[in-house]
Amino acid sequence: MTRAAITRDKKTAPEENVVDLEMSTGADSHMGLRLWLRMLTTTNLVQTELRTRLRTEFNSTLPRFDLMAQLERHPDGLKMSEISRRLMVTGGNVTGITDQLEKEALVVRDVDPNDRRSISVRLTPAGRTLFDKMAIAHEQWVVEMFGGLGLDEKVRVHQRLGKLKKHLIDNLKR
């Protein structure tokens, strides 16, 4: 398709039919595949922007933010294995991020007195202060990125994705 044709299509097509990369599967492709590719493309766009902004504004990364977010919800700390489970990453990834955060005095490790092999991680006061600033900015960025949708549209998409999530949980083999 030529640039002129794409421009013409964008001017005449409804917003939901804008030609973009996930549409390269063709109009006759199964709609489920097209939906998956649209969701993936959108997620990647949002994540890329969040990564860029966290790096620029806070010299941080999205995995560090995610780990700190888990710890913020659990002031008494979380076991390393629980952090790994919640973030759906390997223990090695959690250890590497925790090592860096600990060097920066943003988290501390606590040994369980009843099980010396069990280590919990918690935010330090400095870590909590930094995370609070990052969380406020993160929320504003997400609100801004989703600003192209009205409240009713956000509610509908949220409800439909909830329905899809329930279907997947109920029907997929684990």
C-alpha atoms as a PDB file:
ATOM      1  CA  MET A   1       0.000   0.000   0.000  1.00  0.00           C
ATOM      2  CA  THR A   2       1.419   3.393  -0.900  1.00  0.00           C
ATOM      3  CA  ARG A   3       1.901   6.225   1.573  1.00  0.00           C
ATOM      4  CA  ALA A   4      -0.894   8.154  -0.163  1.00  0.00           C
ATOM      5  CA  ALA A   5      -3.241   5.184   0.156  1.00  0.00           C
ATOM      6  CA  ILE A   6      -2.417   4.781   3.847  1.00  0.00           C
ATOM      7  CA  THR A   7      -2.985   8.499   4.425  1.00  0.00           C
ATOM      8  CA  ARG A   8      -6.271   8.331   2.495  1.00  0.00           C
ATOM      9  CA  ASP A   9      -7.376   5.249   4.493  1.00  0.00           C
ATOM     10  CA  LYS A  10      -6.564   6.957   7.781  1.00  0.00           C
ATOM     11  CA  LYS A  11      -8.660   9.954   6.790  1.00  0.00           C
ATOM     12  CA  THR A  12     -11.669   7.906   5.740  1.00  0.00           C
ATOM     13  CA  ALA A  13     -11.458   4.858   8.020  1.00  0.00           C
ATOM     14  CA  PRO A  14     -12.932   4.821  11.514  1.00  0.00           C
ATOM     15  CA  GLU A  15     -10.262   5.078  14.212  1.00  0.00           C
ATOM     16  CA  GLU A  16     -10.624   1.431  15.173  1.00  0.00           C
ATOM     17  CA  ASN A  17      -9.743   0.394  11.605  1.00  0.00           C
ATOM     18  CA  VAL A  18      -6.543   2.419  11.279  1.00  0.00           C
ATOM     19  CA  VAL A  19      -3.982   0.489   9.234  1.00  0.00           C
ATOM     20  CA  ASP A  20      -1.000  -0.425  11.364  1.00  0.00           C
ATOM     21  CA  LEU A  21       1.496  -3.241  11.758  1.00  0.00           C
ATOM     22  CA  GLU A  22      -0.831  -5.738  13.387  1.00  0.00           C
ATOM     23  CA  MET A  23      -3.176  -5.404  10.434  1.00  0.00           C
ATOM     24  CA  SER A  24      -0.481  -6.869   8.173  1.00  0.00           C
ATOM     25  CA  THR A  25      -2.048 -10.265   8.857  1.00  0.00           C
ATOM     26  CA  GLY A  26      -4.697  -9.288   6.309  1.00  0.00           C
ATOM     27  CA  ALA A  27      -8.372  -8.480   6.527  1.00  0.00           C
ATOM     28  CA  ASP A  28      -9.360 -12.146   6.267  1.00  0.00           C
ATOM     29  CA  SER A  29      -7.248 -13.256   9.242  1.00  0.00           C
ATOM     30  CA  HIS A  30      -8.967 -14.566  12.307  1.00  0.00           C
ATOM     31  CA  MET A  31     -10.114 -11.642  14.444  1.00  0.00           C
ATOM     32  CA  GLY A  32      -8.705 -13.242  17.602  1.00  0.00           C
ATOM     33  CA  LEU A  33      -5.211 -13.111  16.118  1.00  0.00           C
ATOM     34  CA  ARG A  34      -5.696  -9.530  15.014  1.00  0.00           C
ATOM     35  CA  LEU A  35      -6.937  -8.588  18.490  1.00  0.00           C
ATOM     36  CA  TRP A  36      -3.941 -10.293  20.132  1.00  0.00           C
ATOM     37  CA  LEU A  37      -1.529  -8.413  17.852  1.00  0.00           C
ATOM     38  CA  ARG A  38      -3.280  -5.104  18.562  1.00  0.00           C
ATOM     39  CA  MET A  39      -3.086  -5.717  22.318  1.00  0.00           C
ATOM     40  CA  LEU A  40       0.581  -6.710  22.065  1.00  0.00           C
ATOM     41  CA  THR A  41       1.471  -3.677  19.934  1.00  0.00           C
ATOM     42  CA  THR A  42      -0.331  -1.347  22.322  1.00  0.00           C
ATOM     43  CA  THR A  43       1.315  -2.930  25.367  1.00  0.00           C
ATOM     44  CA  ASN A  44       4.745  -2.634  23.764  1.00  0.00           C
ATOM     45  CA  LEU A  45       4.161   1.037  22.948  1.00  0.00           C
ATOM     46  CA  VAL A  46       3.114   1.807  26.535  1.00  0.00           C
ATOM     47  CA  GLN A  47       5.981  -0.196  28.065  1.00  0.00           C
ATOM     48  CA  THR A  48       8.565   1.417  25.802  1.00  0.00           C
ATOM     49  CA  GLU A  49       7.365   4.877  26.783  1.00  0.00           C
ATOM     50  CA  LEU A  50       7.299   3.994  30.495  1.00  0.00           C
ATOM     51  CA  ARG A  51      10.825   2.565  30.274  1.00  0.00           C
ATOM     52  CA  THR A  52      12.065   5.724  28.558  1.00  0.00           C
ATOM     53  CA  ARG A  53      10.451   8.034  31.085  1.00  0.00           C
ATOM     54  CA  LEU A  54      11.653   6.046  34.114  1.00  0.00           C
ATOM     55  CA  ARG A  55      15.185   6.085  32.711  1.00  0.00           C
ATOM     56  CA  THR A  56      15.057   9.797  31.879  1.00  0.00           C
ATOM     57  CA  GLU A  57      13.294  11.069  35.002  1.00  0.00           C
ATOM     58  CA  PHE A  58      14.608   8.681  37.659  1.00  0.00           C
ATOM     59  CA  ASN A  59      17.613   6.888  36.134  1.00  0.00           C
ATOM     60  CA  SER A  60      15.692   3.683  36.805  1.00  0.00           C
ATOM     61  CA  THR A  61      14.191   0.744  34.946  1.00  0.00           C
ATOM     62  CA  LEU A  62      10.740  -0.783  34.714  1.00  0.00           C
ATOM     63  CA  PRO A  63      11.846  -4.027  36.463  1.00  0.00           C
ATOM     64  CA  ARG A  64      13.240  -1.983  39.383  1.00  0.00           C
ATOM     65  CA  PHE A  65      10.000  -0.015  39.545  1.00  0.00           C
ATOM     66  CA  ASP A  66       7.945  -3.232  39.504  1.00  0.00           C
ATOM     67  CA  LEU A  67      10.008  -4.809  42.283  1.00  0.00           C
ATOM     68  CA  MET A  68       9.757  -1.679  44.418  1.00  0.00           C
ATOM     69  CA  ALA A  69       6.000  -1.571  43.771  1.00  0.00           C
ATOM     70  CA  GLN A  70       5.639  -5.077  45.199  1.00  0.00           C
ATOM     71  CA  LEU A  71       7.648  -4.091  48.271  1.00  0.00           C
ATOM     72  CA  GLU A  72       5.640  -0.898  48.729  1.00  0.00           C
ATOM     73  CA  ARG A  73       2.492  -3.021  49.046  1.00  0.00           C
ATOM     74  CA  HIS A  74       4.185  -5.159  51.711  1.00  0.00           C
ATOM     75  CA  PRO A  75       5.964  -2.876  54.207  1.00  0.00           C
ATOM     76  CA  ASP A  76       7.128  -5.846  56.308  1.00  0.00           C
ATOM     77  CA  GLY A  77       8.886  -7.272  53.248  1.00  0.00           C
ATOM     78  CA  LEU A  78       8.529 -10.185  50.893  1.00  0.00           C
ATOM     79  CA  LYS A  79      10.583 -13.337  50.495  1.00  0.00           C
ATOM     80  CA  MET A  80      12.746 -13.372  47.392  1.00  0.00           C
ATOM     81  CA  SER A  81      10.827 -16.370  46.036  1.00  0.00           C
ATOM     82  CA  GLU A  82       7.532 -14.514  46.495  1.00  0.00           C
ATOM     83  CA  ILE A  83       8.865 -11.475  44.632  1.00  0.00           C
ATOM     84  CA  SER A  84       9.974 -13.764  41.818  1.00  0.00           C
ATOM     85  CA  ARG A  85       6.534 -15.399  41.684  1.00  0.00           C
ATOM     86  CA  ARG A  86       4.683 -12.076  41.715  1.00  0.00           C
ATOM     87  CA  LEU A  87       6.870 -10.544  39.001  1.00  0.00           C
ATOM     88  CA  MET A  88       6.870 -13.777  36.979  1.00  0.00           C
ATOM     89  CA  VAL A  89      10.649 -13.696  36.577  1.00  0.00           C
ATOM     90  CA  THR A  90      13.470 -15.967  37.676  1.00  0.00           C
ATOM     91  CA  GLY A  91      15.053 -15.770  41.084  1.00  0.00           C
ATOM     92  CA  GLY A  92      18.280 -14.675  39.406  1.00  0.00           C
ATOM     93  CA  ASN A  93      16.555 -11.616  37.962  1.00  0.00           C
ATOM     94  CA  VAL A  94      15.177 -10.680  41.383  1.00  0.00           C
ATOM     95  CA  THR A  95      18.570 -11.202  43.002  1.00  0.00           C
ATOM     96  CA  GLY A  96      20.299  -8.951  40.476  1.00  0.00           C
ATOM     97  CA  ILE A  97      17.786  -6.135  40.870  1.00  0.00           C
ATOM     98  CA  THR A  98      17.782  -6.505  44.659  1.00  0.00           C
ATOM     99  CA  ASP A  99      21.598  -6.377  44.738  1.00  0.00           C
ATOM    100  CA  GLN A 100      21.552  -3.049  42.889  1.00  0.00           C
ATOM    101  CA  LEU A 101      18.775  -1.582  45.037  1.00  0.00           C
ATOM    102  CA  GLU A 102      20.593  -2.696  48.175  1.00  0.00           C
ATOM    103  CA  LYS A 103      23.842  -1.010  47.017  1.00  0.00           C
ATOM    104  CA  GLU A 104      21.837   2.197  46.614  1.00  0.00           C
ATOM    105  CA  ALA A 105      20.359   1.772  50.133  1.00  0.00           C
ATOM    106  CA  LEU A 106      16.821   1.550  48.704  1.00  0.00           C
ATOM    107  CA  VAL A 107      16.113  -1.944  50.071  1.00  0.00           C
ATOM    108  CA  VAL A 108      17.420  -4.160  52.876  1.00  0.00           C
ATOM    109  CA  ARG A 109      17.513  -7.912  53.195  1.00  0.00           C
ATOM    110  CA  ASP A 110      16.312  -9.510  56.424  1.00  0.00           C
ATOM    111  CA  VAL A 111      17.132 -13.091  57.397  1.00  0.00           C
ATOM    112  CA  ASP A 112      14.205 -15.036  58.877  1.00  0.00           C
ATOM    113  CA  PRO A 113      15.276 -15.958  62.443  1.00  0.00           C
ATOM    114  CA  ASN A 114      13.293 -19.215  62.159  1.00  0.00           C
ATOM    115  CA  ASP A 115      14.761 -20.206  58.786  1.00  0.00           C
ATOM    116  CA  ARG A 116      18.185 -18.755  58.008  1.00  0.00           C
ATOM    117  CA  ARG A 117      17.817 -19.802  54.341  1.00  0.00           C
ATOM    118  CA  SER A 118      14.778 -17.564  53.958  1.00  0.00           C
ATOM    119  CA  ILE A 119      15.493 -13.928  53.133  1.00  0.00           C
ATOM    120  CA  SER A 120      12.932 -11.136  52.982  1.00  0.00           C
ATOM    121  CA  VAL A 121      13.425  -7.822  51.233  1.00  0.00           C
ATOM    122  CA  ARG A 122      11.836  -4.542  52.239  1.00  0.00           C
ATOM    123  CA  LEU A 123      12.081  -0.910  51.210  1.00  0.00           C
ATOM    124  CA  THR A 124      14.190   1.449  53.287  1.00  0.00           C
ATOM    125  CA  PRO A 125      12.793   4.900  54.098  1.00  0.00           C
ATOM    126  CA  ALA A 126      14.875   6.279  51.197  1.00  0.00           C
ATOM    127  CA  GLY A 127      13.475   3.553  48.938  1.00  0.00           C
ATOM    128  CA  ARG A 128       9.927   4.364  49.984  1.00  0.00           C
ATOM    129  CA  THR A 129      10.463   8.076  49.338  1.00  0.00           C
ATOM    130  CA  LEU A 130      11.910   7.431  45.871  1.00  0.00           C
ATOM    131  CA  PHE A 131       9.207   4.924  45.007  1.00  0.00           C
ATOM    132  CA  ASP A 132       6.466   7.339  46.060  1.00  0.00           C
ATOM    133  CA  LYS A 133       7.851   9.932  43.623  1.00  0.00           C
ATOM    134  CA  MET A 134       8.155   7.365  40.839  1.00  0.00           C
ATOM    135  CA  ALA A 135       4.647   6.012  41.471  1.00  0.00           C
ATOM    136  CA  ILE A 136       3.072   9.473  41.223  1.00  0.00           C
ATOM    137  CA  ALA A 137       4.876  10.141  37.942  1.00  0.00           C
ATOM    138  CA  HIS A 138       4.085   6.644  36.612  1.00  0.00           C
ATOM    139  CA  GLU A 139       0.381   7.099  37.303  1.00  0.00           C
ATOM    140  CA  GLN A 140       0.360  10.487  35.569  1.00  0.00           C
ATOM    141  CA  TRP A 141       2.150   9.036  32.539  1.00  0.00           C
ATOM    142  CA  VAL A 142      -0.316   6.162  32.207  1.00  0.00           C
ATOM    143  CA  VAL A 143      -3.296   8.511  32.572  1.00  0.00           C
ATOM    144  CA  GLU A 144      -1.775  10.724  29.878  1.00  0.00           C
ATOM    145  CA  MET A 145      -1.130   7.798  27.509  1.00  0.00           C
ATOM    146  CA  PHE A 146      -4.705   6.568  27.842  1.00  0.00           C
ATOM    147  CA  GLY A 147      -6.054  10.105  27.443  1.00  0.00           C
ATOM    148  CA  GLY A 148      -7.147   9.325  23.891  1.00  0.00           C
ATOM    149  CA  LEU A 149     -10.047   7.298  25.299  1.00  0.00           C
ATOM    150  CA  GLY A 150     -13.027   8.687  27.140  1.00  0.00           C
ATOM    151  CA  LEU A 151     -14.044   7.293  30.522  1.00  0.00           C
ATOM    152  CA  ASP A 152     -16.861   5.207  29.025  1.00  0.00           C
ATOM    153  CA  GLU A 153     -14.464   3.711  26.462  1.00  0.00           C
ATOM    154  CA  LYS A 154     -11.917   2.850  29.164  1.00  0.00           C
ATOM    155  CA  VAL A 155     -14.642   1.190  31.226  1.00  0.00           C
ATOM    156  CA  ARG A 156     -15.831  -0.885  28.243  1.00  0.00           C
ATOM    157  CA  VAL A 157     -12.323  -2.014  27.281  1.00  0.00           C
ATOM    158  CA  HIS A 158     -11.554  -2.834  30.929  1.00  0.00           C
ATOM    159  CA  GLN A 159     -14.742  -4.894  31.250  1.00  0.00           C
ATOM    160  CA  ARG A 160     -14.141  -6.779  28.005  1.00  0.00           C
ATOM    161  CA  LEU A 161     -10.534  -7.551  28.892  1.00  0.00           C
ATOM    162  CA  GLY A 162     -11.782  -8.756  32.282  1.00  0.00           C
ATOM    163  CA  LYS A 163     -14.168 -11.103  30.509  1.00  0.00           C
ATOM    164  CA  LEU A 164     -11.329 -12.386  28.311  1.00  0.00           C
ATOM    165  CA  LYS A 165      -9.069 -12.825  31.342  1.00  0.00           C
ATOM    166  CA  LYS A 166     -11.729 -14.858  33.141  1.00  0.00           C
ATOM    167  CA  HIS A 167     -12.235 -17.025  30.055  1.00  0.00           C
ATOM    168  CA  LEU A 168      -8.496 -17.690  29.832  1.00  0.00           C
ATOM    169  CA  ILE A 169      -8.192 -18.509  33.537  1.00  0.00           C
ATOM    170  CA  ASP A 170     -11.193 -20.833  33.377  1.00  0.00           C
ATOM    171  CA  ASN A 171     -10.225 -22.610  30.147  1.00  0.00           C
ATOM    172  CA  LEU A 172      -6.476 -22.779  29.759  1.00  0.00           C
ATOM    173  CA  LYS A 173      -4.541 -25.783  30.989  1.00  0.00           C
ATOM    174  CA  ARG A 174      -1.728 -24.981  33.353  1.00  0.00           C
END
